[in-house]
N, C-alpha and C. Protein backbone atom coordinates (compact mmCIF):
# COMPACT_ATOMS: atom_id res chain seq x y z
N MET A 1 95.71 35.13 10.75
CA MET A 1 94.38 35.08 11.20
C MET A 1 94.62 37.09 11.28
N SER A 2 96.24 38.06 11.55
CA SER A 2 96.06 38.74 11.79
C SER A 2 96.55 39.90 10.72
N SER A 3 96.83 38.80 9.71
CA SER A 3 96.21 39.42 8.07
C SER A 3 94.98 39.87 8.39
N LEU A 4 94.17 39.56 8.62
CA LEU A 4 92.17 39.15 8.24
C LEU A 4 91.67 40.65 9.55
N GLU A 5 92.49 40.77 10.27
CA GLU A 5 91.64 41.61 11.61
C GLU A 5 91.94 42.97 10.61
N ALA A 6 93.72 42.98 10.15
CA ALA A 6 94.09 43.61 9.79
C ALA A 6 93.35 44.82 9.05
N VAL A 7 92.88 44.55 7.84
CA VAL A 7 91.74 44.69 6.75
C VAL A 7 90.37 44.40 7.62
N LEU A 8 89.52 44.39 8.14
CA LEU A 8 89.11 45.13 8.97
C LEU A 8 89.25 46.11 9.19
N ASP A 9 90.40 46.08 10.14
CA ASP A 9 90.01 47.40 10.63
C ASP A 9 90.65 48.81 9.64
N TYR A 10 90.95 48.31 8.57
CA TYR A 10 90.93 49.35 7.90
C TYR A 10 89.95 50.33 7.99
N ALA A 11 90.61 51.21 7.88
CA ALA A 11 89.36 52.77 7.84
C ALA A 11 89.71 53.38 7.82
N PRO A 12 90.32 53.89 6.75
CA PRO A 12 90.76 55.20 6.76
C PRO A 12 90.14 56.79 6.71
N ALA A 13 88.55 56.60 6.07
CA ALA A 13 88.34 57.74 6.22
C ALA A 13 88.08 57.77 7.59
N ARG A 14 88.01 57.58 9.17
CA ARG A 14 88.01 57.28 9.89
C ARG A 14 88.43 58.65 10.51
N SER A 15 89.73 58.97 9.87
CA SER A 15 90.77 59.91 10.31
C SER A 15 90.84 60.93 9.43
N ILE A 16 89.81 61.16 8.69
CA ILE A 16 89.51 61.95 7.33
C ILE A 16 90.63 63.52 7.55
N ASP A 17 88.74 63.25 9.11
CA ASP A 17 89.20 65.16 9.84
C ASP A 17 90.54 65.88 10.37
N LEU A 18 91.95 64.28 10.42
CA LEU A 18 92.52 65.51 10.96
C LEU A 18 93.79 65.44 10.17
N ILE A 19 93.31 65.33 8.80
CA ILE A 19 94.54 65.78 8.10
C ILE A 19 94.57 67.18 8.12
N ALA A 20 93.34 68.28 7.59
CA ALA A 20 93.89 69.57 7.11
C ALA A 20 94.97 70.05 8.33
N PRO A 21 95.13 70.62 7.65
CA PRO A 21 95.59 71.50 7.39
C PRO A 21 96.59 71.38 4.99
N ARG A 22 96.88 70.33 5.81
CA ARG A 22 97.49 69.19 5.14
C ARG A 22 96.34 69.47 3.30
N PRO A 23 96.58 69.87 2.03
CA PRO A 23 96.02 69.78 1.03
C PRO A 23 95.91 67.71 0.44
N LEU A 24 94.46 67.81 0.45
CA LEU A 24 93.02 66.73 -0.20
C LEU A 24 92.65 66.84 -1.69
N LEU A 25 93.19 65.29 -2.34
CA LEU A 25 92.71 65.38 -3.16
C LEU A 25 92.04 63.75 -3.72
N MET A 26 91.08 63.49 -3.62
CA MET A 26 90.58 62.72 -3.49
C MET A 26 90.52 62.34 -5.05
N PHE A 27 90.07 61.13 -5.95
CA PHE A 27 88.72 60.97 -6.91
C PHE A 27 88.46 59.37 -6.41
N LEU A 28 86.47 60.04 -6.81
CA LEU A 28 85.68 58.77 -7.30
C LEU A 28 85.04 58.61 -8.38
N ALA A 29 85.20 57.15 -8.58
CA ALA A 29 85.13 57.37 -9.37
C ALA A 29 82.90 56.22 -8.67
N LYS A 30 82.82 57.18 -9.83
CA LYS A 30 80.77 56.92 -9.53
C LYS A 30 80.54 55.35 -9.74
N SER A 31 80.41 54.30 -10.18
CA SER A 31 79.67 53.10 -9.73
C SER A 31 80.81 52.38 -9.38
N ASP A 32 81.08 52.68 -8.57
CA ASP A 32 82.32 51.75 -7.61
C ASP A 32 82.12 51.19 -5.87
N PRO A 33 81.65 49.31 -6.61
CA PRO A 33 80.84 48.37 -5.81
C PRO A 33 82.54 48.87 -4.69
N ILE A 34 83.93 48.67 -4.91
CA ILE A 34 85.08 48.64 -3.90
C ILE A 34 84.36 49.89 -2.40
N ALA A 35 84.66 51.03 -3.11
CA ALA A 35 85.02 52.13 -2.55
C ALA A 35 83.80 53.65 -2.57
N PRO A 36 81.68 52.71 -2.66
CA PRO A 36 80.41 53.34 -2.90
C PRO A 36 80.96 55.38 -2.20
N PRO A 37 80.38 55.28 -3.37
CA PRO A 37 80.24 56.71 -4.01
C PRO A 37 79.87 57.85 -2.30
N GLU A 38 78.59 57.41 -1.61
CA GLU A 38 77.48 58.01 -0.92
C GLU A 38 79.07 57.79 0.16
N THR A 39 79.94 56.87 0.63
CA THR A 39 80.39 56.44 1.70
C THR A 39 82.02 57.61 0.94
N ILE A 40 82.23 57.67 0.14
CA ILE A 40 83.50 58.02 -0.53
C ILE A 40 83.55 60.02 0.06
N ARG A 41 81.86 60.14 -0.55
CA ARG A 41 81.45 61.69 -1.17
C ARG A 41 80.92 62.08 0.97
N ALA A 42 80.64 61.85 2.04
CA ALA A 42 80.44 61.17 3.29
C ALA A 42 81.90 61.33 3.44
N ALA A 43 82.79 61.21 3.64
CA ALA A 43 84.03 61.24 4.04
C ALA A 43 85.10 62.72 3.69
N PHE A 44 84.64 63.01 2.52
CA PHE A 44 84.80 64.10 2.37
C PHE A 44 84.58 65.24 2.43
N ALA A 45 83.63 65.05 2.32
CA ALA A 45 82.19 66.24 3.20
C ALA A 45 83.17 66.82 5.49
N ARG A 46 83.56 65.53 5.76
CA ARG A 46 84.14 65.78 6.88
C ARG A 46 85.39 66.60 6.59
N ALA A 47 86.52 66.13 5.55
CA ALA A 47 87.22 66.38 5.52
C ALA A 47 87.78 68.31 6.34
N GLY A 48 88.99 68.62 6.03
CA GLY A 48 89.31 70.25 6.09
C GLY A 48 89.55 70.62 4.86
N GLU A 49 89.22 72.46 4.45
CA GLU A 49 90.16 72.74 3.59
C GLU A 49 91.47 73.51 3.90
N PRO A 50 92.51 72.44 2.73
CA PRO A 50 91.93 72.42 1.68
C PRO A 50 91.67 71.90 0.34
N LYS A 51 91.05 70.77 -0.35
CA LYS A 51 90.59 69.92 -0.26
C LYS A 51 90.05 69.72 -1.92
N ARG A 52 89.85 68.86 -2.82
CA ARG A 52 89.43 68.53 -4.07
C ARG A 52 88.72 67.48 -4.43
N LEU A 53 87.36 67.02 -3.98
CA LEU A 53 87.20 65.82 -5.01
C LEU A 53 86.42 65.84 -6.79
N VAL A 54 87.43 64.96 -7.27
CA VAL A 54 87.27 64.81 -7.99
C VAL A 54 86.26 63.26 -8.76
N GLU A 55 85.95 62.86 -9.76
CA GLU A 55 84.29 62.27 -9.75
C GLU A 55 84.75 61.82 -11.09
N VAL A 56 85.02 60.92 -11.67
CA VAL A 56 84.59 60.41 -13.00
C VAL A 56 83.97 58.66 -12.88
N GLU A 57 83.38 59.05 -14.20
CA GLU A 57 82.43 58.06 -14.69
C GLU A 57 83.00 55.97 -14.33
N GLY A 58 82.61 55.37 -14.18
CA GLY A 58 83.16 53.64 -13.75
C GLY A 58 83.41 53.46 -12.12
N THR A 59 84.06 52.67 -12.75
CA THR A 59 83.84 51.83 -11.36
C THR A 59 85.11 51.51 -10.72
N HIS A 60 85.90 51.11 -10.09
CA HIS A 60 87.07 51.23 -8.64
C HIS A 60 88.10 51.07 -9.38
N TYR A 61 88.93 50.51 -10.50
CA TYR A 61 90.06 51.04 -11.28
C TYR A 61 89.54 51.72 -12.45
N SER A 62 88.76 52.24 -12.56
CA SER A 62 88.34 53.27 -14.15
C SER A 62 89.46 54.72 -13.87
N VAL A 63 89.28 54.60 -12.44
CA VAL A 63 90.09 55.67 -11.94
C VAL A 63 91.67 56.57 -13.09
N TYR A 64 92.34 54.84 -12.48
CA TYR A 64 93.85 55.40 -13.53
C TYR A 64 93.48 53.93 -14.58
N LEU A 65 92.79 53.59 -15.92
CA LEU A 65 92.53 52.98 -16.49
C LEU A 65 91.95 54.53 -17.90
N GLU A 66 90.56 53.56 -17.60
CA GLU A 66 89.80 54.56 -18.48
C GLU A 66 90.06 56.10 -18.77
N ALA A 67 89.90 56.34 -16.33
CA ALA A 67 89.88 58.14 -16.94
C ALA A 67 91.26 58.94 -16.34
N ALA A 68 92.72 57.64 -16.85
CA ALA A 68 93.79 57.85 -16.22
C ALA A 68 93.90 59.67 -16.32
N GLU A 69 93.70 59.83 -17.40
CA GLU A 69 93.78 61.28 -18.86
C GLU A 69 93.27 61.71 -17.13
N GLU A 70 92.27 62.56 -16.96
CA GLU A 70 91.91 63.14 -16.10
C GLU A 70 91.82 64.03 -14.55
N THR A 71 91.65 62.02 -14.45
CA THR A 71 92.52 62.04 -12.51
C THR A 71 94.78 62.24 -13.05
N SER A 72 95.77 62.09 -14.53
CA SER A 72 96.09 62.33 -14.52
C SER A 72 96.28 63.99 -13.89
N ARG A 73 95.62 64.60 -15.56
CA ARG A 73 95.71 65.95 -15.26
C ARG A 73 96.09 67.18 -14.26
N ALA A 74 94.67 66.81 -13.19
CA ALA A 74 93.97 67.04 -11.95
C ALA A 74 94.76 66.78 -10.88
N ALA A 75 95.56 65.44 -10.49
CA ALA A 75 97.04 65.29 -10.21
C ALA A 75 98.20 66.11 -10.29
N VAL A 76 98.21 66.26 -10.99
CA VAL A 76 99.40 67.43 -11.66
C VAL A 76 98.70 68.80 -11.10
N GLU A 77 98.09 69.06 -11.39
CA GLU A 77 97.41 70.29 -11.17
C GLU A 77 97.24 70.97 -10.04
N TRP A 78 97.04 70.03 -8.79
CA TRP A 78 96.51 70.39 -7.93
C TRP A 78 98.62 69.53 -6.82
N PHE A 79 99.15 68.91 -7.21
CA PHE A 79 100.25 69.23 -7.00
C PHE A 79 101.39 70.18 -7.57
N THR A 80 100.83 70.43 -8.61
CA THR A 80 101.75 72.24 -8.41
C THR A 80 101.16 72.84 -8.08
N GLU A 81 99.93 73.22 -7.47
CA GLU A 81 99.51 74.11 -6.89
C GLU A 81 100.04 73.59 -4.89
N TYR A 82 99.80 72.97 -4.90
CA TYR A 82 100.22 72.52 -3.24
C TYR A 82 101.53 71.89 -3.66
N ARG A 83 102.37 71.96 -4.23
CA ARG A 83 104.04 72.10 -3.57
C ARG A 83 104.75 72.93 -2.83
N ASN A 84 105.44 71.85 -1.88
CA ASN A 84 106.39 72.62 -1.09
C ASN A 84 107.06 74.32 -1.99
N PRO A 85 108.31 74.30 -1.70
CA PRO A 85 108.30 75.99 -2.20
C PRO A 85 109.83 75.43 -2.41
């Protein structure tokens, strides 16, 4: 039961406004039934700068599969720009 409670309590977007000024890169799959795009966009809007939202076609795992080349490229660019000196 404690595991179920932890899963139900998991809400990473609840604290998204506390991340800034740390850089935030988010990926959104436009047809994601697990993490609905409107929920992701709303959370992203509350986040502070610097931030970037990369939207890709597909469902939840498309970020890692069909769109992997695009998301990997975006991640490399992001981490190159914001790496520690």
